[in-house]
Amino acid sequence: MFRKYFEDLNFTVKYNEPFKGSIVPLKYLNKNKNVQSIMIEVRRDLYMNEKTGKKIRNFKKIKDYLNFLIKQI
């Protein structure tokens, strides 16, 4: 579902590259099968000027894409 969503928006999707895994609070880690986790990494240059740290025009669009996805799950 995640791959299709982002690829339909013309993003490149990779699994476990360059990072692997996600963050789960230790309270739940390997203790509850109902707890699931996904980490989505977004390249900074898609939403900010990396030299100044300021948001660029794309920031709202990227934010809206992620908010929509979160609402779906």
PDB file of N, CA and C in Angstrom:
ATOM      1  N   MET A   1       0.832  -1.197   0.000  1.00  0.00           N
ATOM      2  CA  MET A   1       0.000   0.000   0.000  1.00  0.00           C
ATOM      3  C   MET A   1       0.875   1.258   0.000  1.00  0.00           C
ATOM      4  N   PHE A   2       1.894   1.275   0.855  1.00  0.00           N
ATOM      5  CA  PHE A   2       2.754   2.454   0.943  1.00  0.00           C
ATOM      6  C   PHE A   2       3.537   2.664  -0.348  1.00  0.00           C
ATOM      7  N   ARG A   3       4.102   1.573  -0.853  1.00  0.00           N
ATOM      8  CA  ARG A   3       4.880   1.672  -2.098  1.00  0.00           C
ATOM      9  C   ARG A   3       4.015   2.237  -3.218  1.00  0.00           C
ATOM     10  N   LYS A   4       2.838   1.679  -3.400  1.00  0.00           N
ATOM     11  CA  LYS A   4       1.952   2.121  -4.480  1.00  0.00           C
ATOM     12  C   LYS A   4       1.574   3.585  -4.312  1.00  0.00           C
ATOM     13  N   TYR A   5       1.249   3.985  -3.090  1.00  0.00           N
ATOM     14  CA  TYR A   5       0.857   5.367  -2.831  1.00  0.00           C
ATOM     15  C   TYR A   5       1.958   6.333  -3.285  1.00  0.00           C
ATOM     16  N   PHE A   6       3.184   6.088  -2.851  1.00  0.00           N
ATOM     17  CA  PHE A   6       4.272   7.004  -3.191  1.00  0.00           C
ATOM     18  C   PHE A   6       4.687   6.903  -4.657  1.00  0.00           C
ATOM     19  N   GLU A   7       4.686   5.706  -5.206  1.00  0.00           N
ATOM     20  CA  GLU A   7       5.029   5.575  -6.620  1.00  0.00           C
ATOM     21  C   GLU A   7       3.978   6.237  -7.505  1.00  0.00           C
ATOM     22  N   ASP A   8       2.717   6.176  -7.112  1.00  0.00           N
ATOM     23  CA  ASP A   8       1.660   6.871  -7.861  1.00  0.00           C
ATOM     24  C   ASP A   8       1.862   8.384  -7.835  1.00  0.00           C
ATOM     25  N   LEU A   9       2.586   8.874  -6.832  1.00  0.00           N
ATOM     26  CA  LEU A   9       2.905  10.309  -6.751  1.00  0.00           C
ATOM     27  C   LEU A   9       4.256  10.614  -7.391  1.00  0.00           C
ATOM     28  N   ASN A  10       4.823   9.617  -8.079  1.00  0.00           N
ATOM     29  CA  ASN A  10       6.110   9.742  -8.788  1.00  0.00           C
ATOM     30  C   ASN A  10       7.317   9.869  -7.870  1.00  0.00           C
ATOM     31  N   PHE A  11       7.222   9.293  -6.684  1.00  0.00           N
ATOM     32  CA  PHE A  11       8.377   9.229  -5.797  1.00  0.00           C
ATOM     33  C   PHE A  11       9.123   7.920  -6.034  1.00  0.00           C
ATOM     34  N   THR A  12      10.401   7.912  -5.746  1.00  0.00           N
ATOM     35  CA  THR A  12      11.192   6.689  -5.757  1.00  0.00           C
ATOM     36  C   THR A  12      11.059   6.062  -4.382  1.00  0.00           C
ATOM     37  N   VAL A  13      10.807   4.760  -4.346  1.00  0.00           N
ATOM     38  CA  VAL A  13      10.610   4.059  -3.081  1.00  0.00           C
ATOM     39  C   VAL A  13      11.681   2.986  -2.926  1.00  0.00           C
ATOM     40  N   LYS A  14      12.319   2.964  -1.765  1.00  0.00           N
ATOM     41  CA  LYS A  14      13.300   1.925  -1.456  1.00  0.00           C
ATOM     42  C   LYS A  14      12.989   1.384  -0.073  1.00  0.00           C
ATOM     43  N   TYR A  15      13.268   0.109   0.131  1.00  0.00           N
ATOM     44  CA  TYR A  15      13.072  -0.518   1.434  1.00  0.00           C
ATOM     45  C   TYR A  15      14.416  -0.704   2.119  1.00  0.00           C
ATOM     46  N   ASN A  16      14.481  -0.298   3.388  1.00  0.00           N
ATOM     47  CA  ASN A  16      15.667  -0.511   4.220  1.00  0.00           C
ATOM     48  C   ASN A  16      16.941   0.035   3.586  1.00  0.00           C
ATOM     49  N   GLU A  17      16.829   1.147   2.891  1.00  0.00           N
ATOM     50  CA  GLU A  17      17.986   1.774   2.284  1.00  0.00           C
ATOM     51  C   GLU A  17      17.805   3.270   2.313  1.00  0.00           C
ATOM     52  N   PRO A  18      18.631   4.053   2.867  1.00  0.00           N
ATOM     53  CA  PRO A  18      19.914   3.677   3.458  1.00  0.00           C
ATOM     54  C   PRO A  18      19.790   3.194   4.913  1.00  0.00           C
ATOM     55  N   PHE A  19      18.609   3.296   5.479  1.00  0.00           N
ATOM     56  CA  PHE A  19      18.416   2.885   6.873  1.00  0.00           C
ATOM     57  C   PHE A  19      17.545   1.639   6.920  1.00  0.00           C
ATOM     58  N   LYS A  20      17.636   0.909   8.013  1.00  0.00           N
ATOM     59  CA  LYS A  20      16.857  -0.308   8.155  1.00  0.00           C
ATOM     60  C   LYS A  20      16.112  -0.282   9.482  1.00  0.00           C
ATOM     61  N   GLY A  21      14.865  -0.736   9.460  1.00  0.00           N
ATOM     62  CA  GLY A  21      14.082  -0.829  10.682  1.00  0.00           C
ATOM     63  C   GLY A  21      13.273   0.424  10.954  1.00  0.00           C
ATOM     64  N   SER A  22      12.637   0.428  12.093  1.00  0.00           N
ATOM     65  CA  SER A  22      11.846   1.579  12.528  1.00  0.00           C
ATOM     66  C   SER A  22      11.921   1.665  14.048  1.00  0.00           C
ATOM     67  N   ILE A  23      11.307   2.671  14.590  1.00  0.00           N
ATOM     68  CA  ILE A  23      11.392   2.905  16.026  1.00  0.00           C
ATOM     69  C   ILE A  23      10.097   2.449  16.698  1.00  0.00           C
ATOM     70  N   VAL A  24      10.230   1.592  17.682  1.00  0.00           N
ATOM     71  CA  VAL A  24       9.097   1.113  18.470  1.00  0.00           C
ATOM     72  C   VAL A  24       9.453   1.333  19.941  1.00  0.00           C
ATOM     73  N   PRO A  25       8.562   1.934  20.717  1.00  0.00           N
ATOM     74  CA  PRO A  25       8.856   2.107  22.145  1.00  0.00           C
ATOM     75  C   PRO A  25       9.194   0.765  22.804  1.00  0.00           C
ATOM     76  N   LEU A  26      10.227   0.736  23.620  1.00  0.00           N
ATOM     77  CA  LEU A  26      10.665  -0.502  24.276  1.00  0.00           C
ATOM     78  C   LEU A  26       9.537  -1.183  25.042  1.00  0.00           C
ATOM     79  N   LYS A  27       8.610  -0.392  25.523  1.00  0.00           N
ATOM     80  CA  LYS A  27       7.465  -0.919  26.257  1.00  0.00           C
ATOM     81  C   LYS A  27       6.695  -1.953  25.427  1.00  0.00           C
ATOM     82  N   TYR A  28       6.714  -1.808  24.085  1.00  0.00           N
ATOM     83  CA  TYR A  28       5.944  -2.672  23.192  1.00  0.00           C
ATOM     84  C   TYR A  28       6.805  -3.616  22.351  1.00  0.00           C
ATOM     85  N   LEU A  29       8.090  -3.342  22.266  1.00  0.00           N
ATOM     86  CA  LEU A  29       8.970  -4.095  21.383  1.00  0.00           C
ATOM     87  C   LEU A  29       8.966  -5.584  21.703  1.00  0.00           C
ATOM     88  N   ASN A  30       8.578  -6.384  20.717  1.00  0.00           N
ATOM     89  CA  ASN A  30       8.524  -7.850  20.834  1.00  0.00           C
ATOM     90  C   ASN A  30       7.633  -8.347  21.970  1.00  0.00           C
ATOM     91  N   LYS A  31       6.691  -7.517  22.402  1.00  0.00           N
ATOM     92  CA  LYS A  31       5.802  -7.902  23.503  1.00  0.00           C
ATOM     93  C   LYS A  31       4.342  -7.974  23.080  1.00  0.00           C
ATOM     94  N   ASN A  32       3.998  -7.284  22.005  1.00  0.00           N
ATOM     95  CA  ASN A  32       2.617  -7.227  21.569  1.00  0.00           C
ATOM     96  C   ASN A  32       2.573  -7.358  20.046  1.00  0.00           C
ATOM     97  N   LYS A  33       2.013  -8.442  19.553  1.00  0.00           N
ATOM     98  CA  LYS A  33       1.967  -8.689  18.109  1.00  0.00           C
ATOM     99  C   LYS A  33       1.106  -7.670  17.371  1.00  0.00           C
ATOM    100  N   ASN A  34       0.241  -6.971  18.082  1.00  0.00           N
ATOM    101  CA  ASN A  34      -0.627  -5.975  17.447  1.00  0.00           C
ATOM    102  C   ASN A  34       0.086  -4.659  17.174  1.00  0.00           C
ATOM    103  N   VAL A  35       1.246  -4.471  17.755  1.00  0.00           N
ATOM    104  CA  VAL A  35       2.000  -3.235  17.553  1.00  0.00           C
ATOM    105  C   VAL A  35       2.805  -3.365  16.267  1.00  0.00           C
ATOM    106  N   GLN A  36       2.556  -2.461  15.345  1.00  0.00           N
ATOM    107  CA  GLN A  36       3.272  -2.443  14.078  1.00  0.00           C
ATOM    108  C   GLN A  36       3.901  -1.077  13.892  1.00  0.00           C
ATOM    109  N   SER A  37       4.937  -1.034  13.083  1.00  0.00           N
ATOM    110  CA  SER A  37       5.665   0.216  12.916  1.00  0.00           C
ATOM    111  C   SER A  37       6.170   0.349  11.489  1.00  0.00           C
ATOM    112  N   ILE A  38       6.166   1.569  11.007  1.00  0.00           N
ATOM    113  CA  ILE A  38       6.767   1.875   9.705  1.00  0.00           C
ATOM    114  C   ILE A  38       7.472   3.220   9.854  1.00  0.00           C
ATOM    115  N   MET A  39       8.627   3.329   9.224  1.00  0.00           N
ATOM    116  CA  MET A  39       9.350   4.596   9.225  1.00  0.00           C
ATOM    117  C   MET A  39       9.439   5.067   7.780  1.00  0.00           C
ATOM    118  N   ILE A  40       9.042   6.298   7.547  1.00  0.00           N
ATOM    119  CA  ILE A  40       9.093   6.884   6.212  1.00  0.00           C
ATOM    120  C   ILE A  40      10.149   7.978   6.241  1.00  0.00           C
ATOM    121  N   GLU A  41      11.170   7.811   5.433  1.00  0.00           N
ATOM    122  CA  GLU A  41      12.232   8.813   5.314  1.00  0.00           C
ATOM    123  C   GLU A  41      11.953   9.657   4.080  1.00  0.00           C
ATOM    124  N   VAL A  42      12.019  10.965   4.236  1.00  0.00           N
ATOM    125  CA  VAL A  42      11.800  11.872   3.109  1.00  0.00           C
ATOM    126  C   VAL A  42      13.080  12.678   2.908  1.00  0.00           C
ATOM    127  N   ARG A  43      13.588  12.667   1.686  1.00  0.00           N
ATOM    128  CA  ARG A  43      14.800  13.438   1.404  1.00  0.00           C
ATOM    129  C   ARG A  43      14.564  14.908   1.743  1.00  0.00           C
ATOM    130  N   ARG A  44      15.480  15.478   2.492  1.00  0.00           N
ATOM    131  CA  ARG A  44      15.331  16.880   2.929  1.00  0.00           C
ATOM    132  C   ARG A  44      15.238  17.855   1.771  1.00  0.00           C
ATOM    133  N   ASP A  45      15.965  17.578   0.693  1.00  0.00           N
ATOM    134  CA  ASP A  45      15.946  18.532  -0.415  1.00  0.00           C
ATOM    135  C   ASP A  45      14.589  18.618  -1.101  1.00  0.00           C
ATOM    136  N   LEU A  46      13.671  17.717  -0.763  1.00  0.00           N
ATOM    137  CA  LEU A  46      12.324  17.785  -1.320  1.00  0.00           C
ATOM    138  C   LEU A  46      11.457  18.822  -0.625  1.00  0.00           C
ATOM    139  N   TYR A  47      11.829  19.214   0.585  1.00  0.00           N
ATOM    140  CA  TYR A  47      10.975  20.144   1.328  1.00  0.00           C
ATOM    141  C   TYR A  47      11.706  21.319   1.981  1.00  0.00           C
ATOM    142  N   MET A  48      13.040  21.346   1.890  1.00  0.00           N
ATOM    143  CA  MET A  48      13.764  22.457   2.515  1.00  0.00           C
ATOM    144  C   MET A  48      15.053  22.773   1.774  1.00  0.00           C
ATOM    145  N   ASN A  49      15.516  23.991   1.979  1.00  0.00           N
ATOM    146  CA  ASN A  49      16.836  24.386   1.508  1.00  0.00           C
ATOM    147  C   ASN A  49      17.821  23.853   2.541  1.00  0.00           C
ATOM    148  N   GLU A  50      18.651  22.902   2.156  1.00  0.00           N
ATOM    149  CA  GLU A  50      19.530  22.253   3.122  1.00  0.00           C
ATOM    150  C   GLU A  50      20.609  23.180   3.679  1.00  0.00           C
ATOM    151  N   LYS A  51      20.949  24.222   2.962  1.00  0.00           N
ATOM    152  CA  LYS A  51      21.964  25.164   3.459  1.00  0.00           C
ATOM    153  C   LYS A  51      21.399  26.095   4.524  1.00  0.00           C
ATOM    154  N   THR A  52      20.159  26.548   4.313  1.00  0.00           N
ATOM    155  CA  THR A  52      19.575  27.516   5.241  1.00  0.00           C
ATOM    156  C   THR A  52      18.605  26.879   6.233  1.00  0.00           C
ATOM    157  N   GLY A  53      18.098  25.701   5.903  1.00  0.00           N
ATOM    158  CA  GLY A  53      17.106  25.044   6.762  1.00  0.00           C
ATOM    159  C   GLY A  53      15.700  25.575   6.569  1.00  0.00           C
ATOM    160  N   LYS A  54      15.532  26.487   5.612  1.00  0.00           N
ATOM    161  CA  LYS A  54      14.207  27.065   5.379  1.00  0.00           C
ATOM    162  C   LYS A  54      13.355  26.157   4.498  1.00  0.00           C
ATOM    163  N   LYS A  55      12.069  26.175   4.795  1.00  0.00           N
ATOM    164  CA  LYS A  55      11.109  25.399   3.999  1.00  0.00           C
ATOM    165  C   LYS A  55      11.065  25.964   2.584  1.00  0.00           C
ATOM    166  N   ILE A  56      10.927  25.063   1.620  1.00  0.00           N
ATOM    167  CA  ILE A  56      10.750  25.511   0.235  1.00  0.00           C
ATOM    168  C   ILE A  56       9.288  25.325  -0.163  1.00  0.00           C
ATOM    169  N   ARG A  57       8.968  25.752  -1.359  1.00  0.00           N
ATOM    170  CA  ARG A  57       7.590  25.716  -1.840  1.00  0.00           C
ATOM    171  C   ARG A  57       6.958  24.325  -1.717  1.00  0.00           C
ATOM    172  N   ASN A  58       7.738  23.273  -1.905  1.00  0.00           N
ATOM    173  CA  ASN A  58       7.230  21.901  -1.850  1.00  0.00           C
ATOM    174  C   ASN A  58       6.829  21.444  -0.450  1.00  0.00           C
ATOM    175  N   PHE A  59       7.218  22.161   0.573  1.00  0.00           N
ATOM    176  CA  PHE A  59       6.997  21.700   1.944  1.00  0.00           C
ATOM    177  C   PHE A  59       5.534  21.337   2.201  1.00  0.00           C
ATOM    178  N   LYS A  60       4.623  22.219   1.858  1.00  0.00           N
ATOM    179  CA  LYS A  60       3.206  21.963   2.126  1.00  0.00           C
ATOM    180  C   LYS A  60       2.705  20.749   1.348  1.00  0.00           C
ATOM    181  N   LYS A  61       3.146  20.604   0.115  1.00  0.00           N
ATOM    182  CA  LYS A  61       2.713  19.470  -0.694  1.00  0.00           C
ATOM    183  C   LYS A  61       3.186  18.150  -0.066  1.00  0.00           C
ATOM    184  N   ILE A  62       4.446  18.091   0.354  1.00  0.00           N
ATOM    185  CA  ILE A  62       4.985  16.881   0.985  1.00  0.00           C
ATOM    186  C   ILE A  62       4.238  16.609   2.290  1.00  0.00           C
ATOM    187  N   LYS A  63       4.013  17.644   3.067  1.00  0.00           N
ATOM    188  CA  LYS A  63       3.274  17.513   4.324  1.00  0.00           C
ATOM    189  C   LYS A  63       1.868  16.977   4.066  1.00  0.00           C
ATOM    190  N   ASP A  64       1.198  17.497   3.059  1.00  0.00           N
ATOM    191  CA  ASP A  64      -0.160  17.052   2.730  1.00  0.00           C
ATOM    192  C   ASP A  64      -0.184  15.587   2.288  1.00  0.00           C
ATOM    193  N   TYR A  65       0.804  15.181   1.502  1.00  0.00           N
ATOM    194  CA  TYR A  65       0.895  13.769   1.091  1.00  0.00           C
ATOM    195  C   TYR A  65       1.007  12.861   2.312  1.00  0.00           C
ATOM    196  N   LEU A  66       1.884  13.220   3.237  1.00  0.00           N
ATOM    197  CA  LEU A  66       2.086  12.394   4.433  1.00  0.00           C
ATOM    198  C   LEU A  66       0.854  12.408   5.336  1.00  0.00           C
ATOM    199  N   ASN A  67       0.245  13.557   5.514  1.00  0.00           N
ATOM    200  CA  ASN A  67      -0.964  13.635   6.339  1.00  0.00           C
ATOM    201  C   ASN A  67      -2.092  12.790   5.759  1.00  0.00           C
ATOM    202  N   PHE A  68      -2.252  12.816   4.455  1.00  0.00           N
ATOM    203  CA  PHE A  68      -3.285  12.009   3.817  1.00  0.00           C
ATOM    204  C   PHE A  68      -3.035  10.524   4.082  1.00  0.00           C
ATOM    205  N   LEU A  69      -1.783  10.087   3.908  1.00  0.00           N
ATOM    206  CA  LEU A  69      -1.440   8.692   4.134  1.00  0.00           C
ATOM    207  C   LEU A  69      -1.710   8.272   5.586  1.00  0.00           C
ATOM    208  N   ILE A  70      -1.336   9.120   6.514  1.00  0.00           N
ATOM    209  CA  ILE A  70      -1.550   8.812   7.939  1.00  0.00           C
ATOM    210  C   ILE A  70      -3.036   8.668   8.219  1.00  0.00           C
ATOM    211  N   LYS A  71      -3.842   9.524   7.647  1.00  0.00           N
ATOM    212  CA  LYS A  71      -5.291   9.417   7.853  1.00  0.00           C
ATOM    213  C   LYS A  71      -5.866   8.126   7.278  1.00  0.00           C
ATOM    214  N   GLN A  72      -5.252   7.643   6.191  1.00  0.00           N
ATOM    215  CA  GLN A  72      -5.728   6.410   5.561  1.00  0.00           C
ATOM    216  C   GLN A  72      -5.444   5.186   6.419  1.00  0.00           C
ATOM    217  N   ILE A  73      -4.338   5.226   7.145  1.00  0.00           N
ATOM    218  CA  ILE A  73      -3.995   4.045   7.966  1.00  0.00           C
ATOM    219  C   ILE A  73      -4.527   4.191   9.363  1.00  0.00           C
TER     220      ILE A  73
END
